[in-house]
Protein backbone atom coordinates (compact mmCIF):
# COMPACT_ATOMS: atom_id res chain seq x y z
CA MET A 1 18.68 58.60 -17.51
CA LEU A 2 17.94 54.57 -16.28
CA ASP A 3 13.90 54.73 -14.98
CA LEU A 4 14.53 53.48 -11.44
CA ASN A 5 12.30 51.32 -11.27
CA PHE A 6 13.85 49.38 -13.98
CA VAL A 7 17.06 49.33 -11.74
CA ARG A 8 15.24 48.50 -8.51
CA GLU A 9 13.73 45.35 -10.47
CA ASN A 10 16.35 44.53 -12.82
CA LEU A 11 19.36 45.43 -10.13
CA ASP A 12 21.13 41.95 -11.11
CA TYR A 13 20.98 42.36 -15.22
CA VAL A 14 21.79 46.05 -14.59
CA ARG A 15 25.18 44.76 -12.40
CA GLU A 16 26.18 42.52 -15.45
CA VAL A 17 25.52 45.17 -17.75
CA LEU A 18 27.79 47.83 -15.90
CA ARG A 19 30.10 45.56 -16.11
CA ASN A 20 30.24 44.78 -19.40
CA ARG A 21 30.95 48.60 -19.46
CA ASN A 22 33.69 48.59 -17.45
CA PHE A 23 31.12 50.85 -14.91
CA PRO A 24 31.97 49.73 -11.48
CA SER A 25 28.62 47.44 -10.40
CA GLU A 26 29.32 48.23 -6.51
CA THR A 27 27.71 51.27 -7.43
CA LEU A 28 24.74 49.51 -7.44
CA GLU A 29 25.11 48.91 -3.47
CA LYS A 30 24.63 52.44 -2.65
CA PHE A 31 21.89 52.36 -4.94
CA VAL A 32 20.04 49.45 -2.91
CA GLU A 33 21.25 51.35 1.02
CA LEU A 34 19.47 54.51 -0.62
CA ASP A 35 16.04 52.01 -1.84
CA ALA A 36 15.82 50.23 1.32
CA GLU A 37 16.08 53.98 3.82
CA ARG A 38 13.42 54.98 1.21
CA ARG A 39 11.13 51.76 1.78
CA ARG A 40 12.00 52.44 5.49
CA VAL A 41 10.60 56.09 5.69
CA ILE A 42 7.99 55.21 3.84
CA GLY A 43 6.75 52.36 6.17
CA GLU A 44 6.86 54.64 9.29
CA GLY A 45 5.58 57.79 7.44
CA ASP A 46 2.53 55.20 6.26
CA LYS A 47 2.85 54.06 10.57
CA VAL A 48 2.36 57.90 11.62
CA ASN A 49 -0.20 58.35 9.50
CA GLN A 50 -2.29 55.49 10.76
CA LEU A 51 -1.89 57.18 13.68
CA ARG A 52 -3.01 60.69 12.68
CA ASN A 53 -6.22 59.53 11.12
CA ILE A 54 -7.14 57.55 14.45
CA ALA A 55 -6.24 60.27 16.61
CA SER A 56 -8.31 62.80 14.40
CA LYS A 57 -11.33 60.23 14.56
CA GLU A 58 -10.95 60.69 18.55
CA ILE A 59 -10.67 64.00 18.59
CA GLY A 60 -14.31 64.36 16.98
CA ALA A 61 -15.77 61.89 19.20
CA LEU A 62 -14.14 63.88 22.54
CA MET A 63 -15.68 66.89 20.59
CA GLN A 64 -18.87 65.40 20.19
CA ALA A 65 -18.85 64.54 23.75
CA GLY A 66 -18.41 67.90 24.85
CA LYS A 67 -14.65 66.67 26.38
CA ARG A 68 -12.84 69.81 25.06
CA VAL A 69 -10.12 69.34 27.80
CA GLU A 70 -9.46 66.01 26.33
CA ALA A 71 -9.49 66.86 22.74
CA GLU A 72 -7.39 69.80 23.18
CA SER A 73 -4.35 67.27 24.61
CA LYS A 74 -4.89 64.99 21.67
CA LYS A 75 -4.75 68.10 18.96
CA SER A 76 -0.97 68.60 20.65
CA ASP A 77 0.05 65.02 20.40
CA VAL A 78 -1.63 65.04 16.51
CA ALA A 79 0.51 68.15 16.09
CA GLY A 80 3.76 65.88 17.38
CA LEU A 81 2.76 63.22 14.57
CA LYS A 82 2.56 65.45 12.00
CA ASP A 83 6.04 67.30 13.01
CA GLU A 84 7.36 63.32 12.77
CA GLN A 85 5.68 62.86 9.24
CA GLY A 86 7.19 66.24 7.85
CA GLU A 87 11.00 64.62 8.97
CA LEU A 88 10.34 61.63 7.25
CA GLU A 89 9.03 63.01 4.17
CA LYS A 90 12.28 65.12 4.33
CA LEU A 91 13.99 61.99 4.55
CA ARG A 92 11.81 60.08 1.78
CA ASP A 93 13.01 62.96 -0.44
CA GLY A 94 16.33 62.68 0.19
CA ALA A 95 16.56 59.29 -0.30
CA GLU A 96 14.96 59.68 -4.09
CA GLN A 97 16.88 62.51 -4.78
CA SER A 98 20.05 60.50 -4.21
CA MET A 99 19.02 57.77 -5.58
CA HIS A 100 18.37 60.07 -9.09
CA GLU A 101 21.67 61.70 -8.33
CA LEU A 102 23.61 58.26 -8.57
CA LEU A 103 21.27 57.29 -12.03
CA SER A 104 22.40 60.63 -13.77
CA HIS A 105 25.97 58.53 -13.19
CA LEU A 106 25.05 55.61 -14.61
CA PRO A 107 25.26 54.32 -18.46
CA ASN A 108 22.65 53.52 -21.01
CA ILE A 109 21.42 49.72 -21.34
CA PRO A 110 23.13 48.59 -24.72
CA ALA A 111 21.11 46.55 -27.43
CA ASN A 112 21.12 42.57 -26.98
CA ASP A 113 23.22 43.10 -30.45
CA VAL A 114 25.90 44.95 -29.37
CA PRO A 115 29.33 43.16 -28.65
CA VAL A 116 30.58 42.68 -25.36
CA GLY A 117 33.87 43.47 -24.85
CA ILE A 118 36.37 45.65 -22.61
CA ASP A 119 37.68 48.01 -25.53
CA GLU A 120 37.89 48.75 -29.18
CA ARG A 121 39.09 45.57 -29.50
CA ALA A 122 36.25 44.11 -29.51
CA ASN A 123 34.05 46.59 -32.08
CA VAL A 124 32.78 44.55 -35.19
CA GLU A 125 32.96 45.29 -38.61
CA VAL A 126 29.68 45.48 -40.67
CA ARG A 127 30.70 46.23 -43.69
CA LYS A 128 33.40 48.64 -46.09
CA TRP A 129 32.90 50.29 -48.96
CA GLY A 130 35.56 51.93 -51.24
CA GLU A 131 39.07 50.11 -51.61
CA PRO A 132 41.55 52.46 -50.35
CA ARG A 133 44.04 53.90 -53.48
CA GLU A 134 47.15 52.50 -54.39
CA PHE A 135 49.39 54.92 -54.74
CA ASP A 136 52.66 54.81 -57.47
CA PHE A 137 54.27 57.71 -54.34
CA GLU A 138 55.02 57.52 -51.12
CA PRO A 139 51.73 59.39 -49.38
CA LYS A 140 52.06 62.26 -47.26
CA ASP A 141 49.94 62.97 -44.19
CA HIS A 142 47.62 66.02 -44.16
CA VAL A 143 50.28 67.85 -42.21
CA ASP A 144 52.84 67.79 -44.44
CA LEU A 145 50.14 68.55 -47.25
CA GLY A 146 49.08 71.20 -46.18
CA GLU A 147 51.80 73.19 -44.67
CA ALA A 148 53.54 72.58 -48.05
CA LEU A 149 50.51 73.80 -49.62
CA ASP A 150 50.39 76.96 -47.21
CA ILE A 151 46.94 75.69 -46.57
CA LEU A 152 47.52 75.16 -42.89
CA ASP A 153 49.34 76.88 -40.35
CA LEU A 154 49.73 74.86 -36.31
CA GLU A 155 52.94 77.12 -35.79
CA ARG A 156 50.92 80.12 -35.65
CA ALA A 157 47.83 78.75 -34.38
CA THR A 158 49.81 77.36 -30.82
CA LYS A 159 51.08 81.31 -30.74
CA ILE A 160 47.94 82.88 -31.02
CA THR A 161 46.36 80.17 -28.31
CA GLY A 162 47.89 77.25 -27.43
CA SER A 163 48.25 73.15 -28.89
CA ARG A 164 45.36 71.56 -30.25
CA PHE A 165 44.53 74.72 -32.44
CA SER A 166 45.14 75.27 -35.70
CA ILE A 167 44.79 77.90 -38.76
CA LEU A 168 43.09 77.26 -42.09
CA LYS A 169 43.96 79.58 -44.78
CA GLY A 170 43.54 80.42 -48.83
CA SER A 171 42.14 76.72 -50.71
CA GLY A 172 41.97 75.22 -47.09
CA ALA A 173 39.74 77.62 -45.58
CA ARG A 174 37.39 77.69 -48.42
CA LEU A 175 37.63 73.29 -48.61
CA GLU A 176 36.88 73.68 -45.23
CA ARG A 177 33.72 76.27 -46.18
CA ALA A 178 32.29 73.96 -49.13
CA LEU A 179 32.42 70.87 -46.95
CA VAL A 180 30.14 72.36 -44.44
CA ASN A 181 27.38 73.78 -47.76
CA PHE A 182 28.03 70.78 -49.61
CA MET A 183 27.09 68.28 -46.50
CA LEU A 184 24.23 70.59 -45.22
CA ASP A 185 23.16 70.49 -48.61
CA VAL A 186 22.91 66.70 -49.39
CA HIS A 187 21.52 66.48 -45.80
CA THR A 188 18.67 68.84 -45.95
CA THR A 189 17.44 68.67 -50.24
CA GLU A 190 18.19 64.82 -50.05
CA HIS A 191 17.39 63.46 -46.67
CA GLY A 192 14.79 65.66 -45.13
CA TYR A 193 16.25 66.97 -42.70
CA THR A 194 15.81 70.76 -41.17
CA GLU A 195 18.60 73.29 -40.72
CA THR A 196 19.29 74.98 -37.63
CA LEU A 197 21.82 77.18 -36.52
CA PRO A 198 21.92 76.94 -32.36
CA PRO A 199 23.50 78.72 -29.59
CA PHE A 200 27.05 77.85 -29.35
CA ILE A 201 27.06 78.53 -25.42
CA VAL A 202 24.21 76.33 -23.21
CA ASN A 203 23.18 75.99 -19.90
CA ARG A 204 23.90 73.06 -17.23
CA GLN A 205 20.63 71.52 -17.83
CA SER A 206 20.39 71.12 -21.42
CA LEU A 207 24.54 69.72 -20.97
CA PHE A 208 22.55 67.19 -18.18
CA GLY A 209 20.45 66.46 -21.06
CA THR A 210 22.52 65.14 -23.22
CA ASN A 211 24.66 63.04 -20.57
CA GLN A 212 27.82 65.40 -20.78
CA LEU A 213 26.68 66.35 -17.20
CA PRO A 214 27.42 65.66 -14.69
CA LYS A 215 29.66 62.58 -16.01
CA PHE A 216 32.44 64.31 -18.00
CA GLU A 217 32.58 68.43 -17.16
CA ASP A 218 36.07 68.18 -17.16
CA ASP A 219 35.96 68.07 -21.09
CA LEU A 220 34.01 71.11 -21.10
CA PHE A 221 34.80 74.53 -21.41
CA PHE A 222 32.97 76.96 -18.99
CA LEU A 223 32.39 80.32 -19.35
CA ASN A 224 33.76 82.38 -16.59
CA ASP A 225 30.86 84.23 -14.75
CA GLU A 226 28.03 82.69 -12.14
CA ARG A 227 25.70 81.43 -15.22
CA GLY A 228 27.15 78.15 -15.51
CA LEU A 229 27.36 78.35 -19.27
CA ALA A 230 29.52 76.41 -21.25
CA LEU A 231 30.63 75.97 -24.95
CA ILE A 232 29.47 73.19 -27.02
CA PRO A 233 31.39 70.08 -27.33
CA THR A 234 29.11 68.93 -30.38
CA ALA A 235 25.73 70.65 -31.96
CA GLU A 236 23.79 67.70 -30.25
CA VAL A 237 23.09 69.43 -26.99
CA PRO A 238 21.45 72.28 -27.98
CA VAL A 239 19.57 70.71 -31.12
CA THR A 240 18.49 67.41 -28.82
CA ASN A 241 17.27 69.81 -26.43
CA TYR A 242 15.25 71.97 -28.77
CA HIS A 243 12.11 70.31 -27.33
CA ALA A 244 13.60 69.75 -24.04
CA GLY A 245 10.23 69.72 -21.66
CA GLU A 246 7.61 69.00 -24.13
CA ILE A 247 5.50 66.63 -25.14
CA LEU A 248 4.86 66.02 -28.95
CA ASP A 249 2.26 64.92 -31.08
CA ALA A 250 2.83 61.09 -31.95
CA LYS A 251 1.98 62.19 -35.49
CA ASP A 252 4.56 64.64 -35.84
CA LEU A 253 7.77 62.47 -35.43
CA PRO A 254 10.40 61.31 -36.72
CA LYS A 255 11.94 65.43 -36.63
CA TYR A 256 15.40 65.27 -38.50
CA TYR A 257 17.20 68.50 -37.62
CA ALA A 258 20.94 69.71 -39.22
CA ALA A 259 23.41 71.91 -37.70
CA TYR A 260 26.47 72.84 -38.62
CA SER A 261 28.32 74.20 -35.44
CA PRO A 262 32.21 74.58 -34.09
CA CYS A 263 32.69 71.83 -31.27
CA PHE A 264 34.88 72.58 -28.50
CA ARG A 265 36.49 69.89 -26.08
CA SER A 266 39.04 70.02 -23.66
CA GLU A 267 39.84 66.70 -24.80
CA ALA A 268 40.61 65.63 -21.08
CA GLY A 269 42.62 61.94 -20.68
CA SER A 270 43.42 62.00 -24.23
CA TYR A 271 46.75 64.22 -23.73
CA GLY A 272 49.37 61.80 -25.84
CA ARG A 273 46.99 60.96 -28.71
CA ASP A 274 46.39 62.19 -32.01
CA THR A 275 48.94 65.47 -31.10
CA ARG A 276 50.28 66.02 -35.04
CA GLY A 277 47.74 68.08 -36.84
CA LEU A 278 43.92 68.36 -36.77
CA ILE A 279 43.03 64.81 -35.56
CA ARG A 280 42.02 65.73 -31.65
CA GLN A 281 41.74 69.15 -31.76
CA HIS A 282 40.07 71.52 -28.73
CA GLN A 283 38.29 73.40 -31.59
CA PHE A 284 36.69 71.74 -35.01
CA GLU A 285 33.67 72.17 -36.89
CA LYS A 286 31.10 69.84 -37.88
CA VAL A 287 28.07 68.84 -39.23
CA GLU A 288 25.56 67.43 -36.43
CA LEU A 289 22.32 65.23 -37.18
CA VAL A 290 19.77 64.81 -34.36
CA LYS A 291 16.22 62.63 -35.18
CA LEU A 292 13.77 62.29 -32.44
CA SER A 293 11.83 59.29 -33.01
CA LEU A 294 9.32 57.13 -31.65
CA PRO A 295 10.34 54.20 -29.99
CA GLU A 296 9.13 51.28 -32.44
CA ASN A 297 10.73 53.17 -35.19
CA SER A 298 14.49 54.06 -33.61
CA ASP A 299 16.05 50.97 -34.45
CA ASP A 300 15.49 51.89 -38.27
CA GLU A 301 15.54 55.66 -37.71
CA HIS A 302 19.20 54.74 -36.86
CA GLU A 303 19.88 52.67 -40.55
CA LYS A 304 18.99 54.94 -42.04
CA LEU A 305 20.91 58.10 -40.13
CA THR A 306 24.15 56.25 -40.49
CA ALA A 307 23.24 55.51 -44.15
CA ASN A 308 23.05 58.48 -44.56
CA ALA A 309 26.21 60.11 -42.80
CA GLU A 310 27.58 57.67 -45.20
CA ARG A 311 26.58 59.06 -48.40
CA ILE A 312 28.50 62.09 -47.90
CA LEU A 313 31.86 59.49 -48.10
CA GLN A 314 30.22 58.12 -51.24
CA LEU A 315 29.95 61.35 -52.96
CA LEU A 316 33.14 62.76 -52.20
CA GLY A 317 34.58 59.11 -53.09
CA LEU A 318 35.97 58.16 -49.72
CA PRO A 319 36.79 54.98 -48.79
CA TYR A 320 35.33 54.00 -45.37
CA ARG A 321 33.81 51.31 -42.91
CA ILE A 322 31.34 50.69 -40.75
CA VAL A 323 31.95 49.54 -37.30
CA ILE A 324 29.83 48.65 -34.13
CA LEU A 325 31.49 49.35 -31.31
CA SER A 326 31.67 46.83 -28.27
CA THR A 327 29.67 47.62 -24.73
CA GLY A 328 33.20 48.81 -23.51
CA ASP A 329 33.94 51.26 -26.36
CA MET A 330 30.85 53.05 -26.99
CA GLY A 331 29.31 56.33 -25.65
CA PHE A 332 27.94 56.89 -22.04
CA GLY A 333 23.98 57.91 -23.25
CA ALA A 334 24.01 54.42 -26.02
CA VAL A 335 22.15 51.92 -26.67
CA LYS A 336 23.65 50.74 -30.13
CA THR A 337 26.44 52.85 -31.73
CA TYR A 338 27.87 52.63 -35.33
CA ASP A 339 31.35 54.15 -35.65
CA ILE A 340 32.63 55.34 -39.46
CA GLU A 341 36.07 55.16 -40.36
CA VAL A 342 37.48 56.63 -43.52
CA TRP A 343 40.54 55.54 -45.04
CA LEU A 344 43.45 57.99 -44.43
CA PRO A 345 46.78 56.69 -47.13
CA GLY A 346 49.15 58.94 -44.19
CA GLN A 347 48.55 56.91 -41.30
CA LYS A 348 47.52 53.83 -43.84
CA ALA A 349 44.65 53.41 -41.34
CA TYR A 350 40.59 53.52 -40.68
CA ARG A 351 39.75 56.72 -38.96
CA GLU A 352 36.71 57.72 -36.81
CA ILE A 353 34.79 60.39 -38.44
CA SER A 354 31.46 59.80 -37.71
CA SER A 355 29.65 58.13 -34.16
CA CYS A 356 25.86 57.52 -35.46
CA SER A 357 23.75 56.75 -32.26
CA ASN A 358 20.98 55.45 -30.98
CA CYS A 359 20.61 56.53 -27.20
CA GLY A 360 17.01 55.07 -26.72
CA ASN A 361 14.78 57.03 -24.02
CA PHE A 362 17.80 57.91 -22.05
CA GLN A 363 18.36 61.56 -23.24
CA ALA A 364 14.76 62.33 -23.17
CA ARG A 365 14.16 60.77 -19.45
CA ARG A 366 16.58 63.58 -18.75
CA MET A 367 15.25 66.27 -20.64
CA ASN A 368 11.75 65.12 -19.62
CA LEU A 369 11.02 64.85 -23.67
CA ARG A 370 7.58 62.96 -24.65
CA PHE A 371 4.89 62.30 -27.49
CA ARG A 372 1.29 61.21 -27.10
CA ARG A 373 0.00 59.14 -29.16
CA GLY A 374 -3.75 59.78 -28.84
CA GLY A 375 -6.08 62.96 -26.61
CA GLY A 376 -6.13 60.33 -23.57
CA GLU A 377 -3.51 58.80 -23.27
CA LYS A 378 -0.44 59.08 -21.42
CA PRO A 379 2.70 60.42 -22.22
CA GLU A 380 5.60 58.25 -23.04
CA PHE A 381 9.42 59.18 -23.94
CA VAL A 382 11.00 59.82 -27.08
CA HIS A 383 13.95 58.14 -28.77
CA THR A 384 16.50 60.73 -29.52
CA LEU A 385 19.21 59.41 -31.94
CA ASN A 386 22.67 61.52 -33.75
CA GLY A 387 25.45 61.01 -35.45
CA SER A 388 27.92 63.40 -37.57
CA GLY A 389 26.91 64.49 -40.94
CA LEU A 390 30.53 64.85 -41.29
CA ALA A 391 33.43 65.69 -38.73
CA VAL A 392 34.27 68.98 -41.17
CA GLY A 393 37.64 68.68 -40.02
CA ARG A 394 38.68 64.89 -40.53
CA THR A 395 36.56 65.34 -44.37
CA TRP A 396 39.42 67.63 -44.81
CA ILE A 397 42.12 65.61 -44.27
CA ALA A 398 40.82 62.77 -45.81
CA ILE A 399 40.59 64.60 -49.04
CA LEU A 400 43.95 66.26 -48.78
CA GLU A 401 45.27 62.47 -48.28
CA ASN A 402 43.74 60.37 -50.51
CA TYR A 403 43.38 63.08 -53.16
CA GLN A 404 47.40 63.79 -52.92
CA GLN A 405 48.96 63.82 -55.83
CA ALA A 406 52.47 63.40 -56.83
CA ASP A 407 53.94 66.82 -57.17
CA GLY A 408 52.20 67.31 -53.65
CA SER A 409 49.52 69.24 -55.50
CA VAL A 410 46.11 68.18 -54.08
CA VAL A 411 42.85 67.26 -56.84
CA ILE A 412 39.06 68.63 -55.41
CA PRO A 413 36.53 65.78 -55.51
CA GLU A 414 34.55 66.61 -58.61
CA ILE A 415 31.36 67.39 -56.62
CA LEU A 416 32.46 69.84 -54.49
CA GLN A 417 34.18 72.03 -57.12
CA ARG A 418 31.38 73.98 -57.60
CA TYR A 419 31.80 75.43 -54.24
CA MET A 420 34.90 76.06 -54.66
CA ASN A 421 34.51 78.51 -57.52
CA GLY A 422 35.43 76.14 -59.82
CA LEU A 423 38.71 75.50 -58.52
CA ASN A 424 39.78 71.95 -59.38
CA LYS A 425 43.32 71.23 -57.73
CA ILE A 426 45.28 73.20 -54.86
CA VAL A 427 48.45 74.19 -55.37
């Protein structure tokens, strides 16, 4: 969440940022109205408080002079002023609460080097790795490959649950599990992340902390009871909230966490997009990377996190590119985001397989996650970062499509074969 004082003191700048993020800048007009009301109420409260102080001194003087009747009359007046001040304080608190509620709907301020644009067309390619394979046959997509190999069943998943669900079976299920183990092993042994296995159900406060609420409530699956719990849309939610409400020691930062989890998303607003196969599912698996950083180091940690996610694709020999997202395409809570897009021969296109974001202190402010540099120093907000390391299902897709053979079989990348009990090909 944005700092209230920052918004108040930089209204024109925030208006420009909101326009660049395709967010209605008129939202700030209500903020200005509420701020004016808050200042008015505080001013009136100060005047009432002054009158109370004057009256209290007069009461003391009257009591000292033995004028009890006049003093009691004055006390009645003071009681009325006290009630008036109480009402003004309620109005002030109400205005402040409304201001904070409004701020909870405002997106983060992008970094200065984020390209300005209204959508993905303004994204900028940073670099590429690997060369897309040249096929001497027409490559199939993962659906045709998976169904022919009898490792993917979409029809029965739809029967059991509904559209945008899938069943992996046999070597296909084994490949998914192998990818999870492989990713966690690389991130914990090579990159220094601590593995966690978090809850897959979280409360509303945790969802507010990582800015799924209130703006993205329609994209969540809630449990049908009075507790307001929801299935996680990403492990970013429970893992980033791990230290919510705490004050960490600066010497203990950065903290690196990795977590496997299923993810559940209603994909509200995306109907009609990517309806074929596993690209956009209501349930999918991911290995998530989360970092808690000192503010001055978060830019460097962002580059490292992105490189950590890239490493998985490099080890698997999958071509990809890195793009920096524009102001109109980046996530709600991000200061800056790199998308990693893997090459999919079946689509003849690069598709997102990871989003790596630096959120600055935006999430930490919402979850009151702070650190202290020294014993007597004032606590500061931590910077939070997150990224997929990687989306497991989309990695599964990329392996099938990039390693397919003319006869319809799929070669298993050598580095994964030990996770597949030595299996080197799915036939």
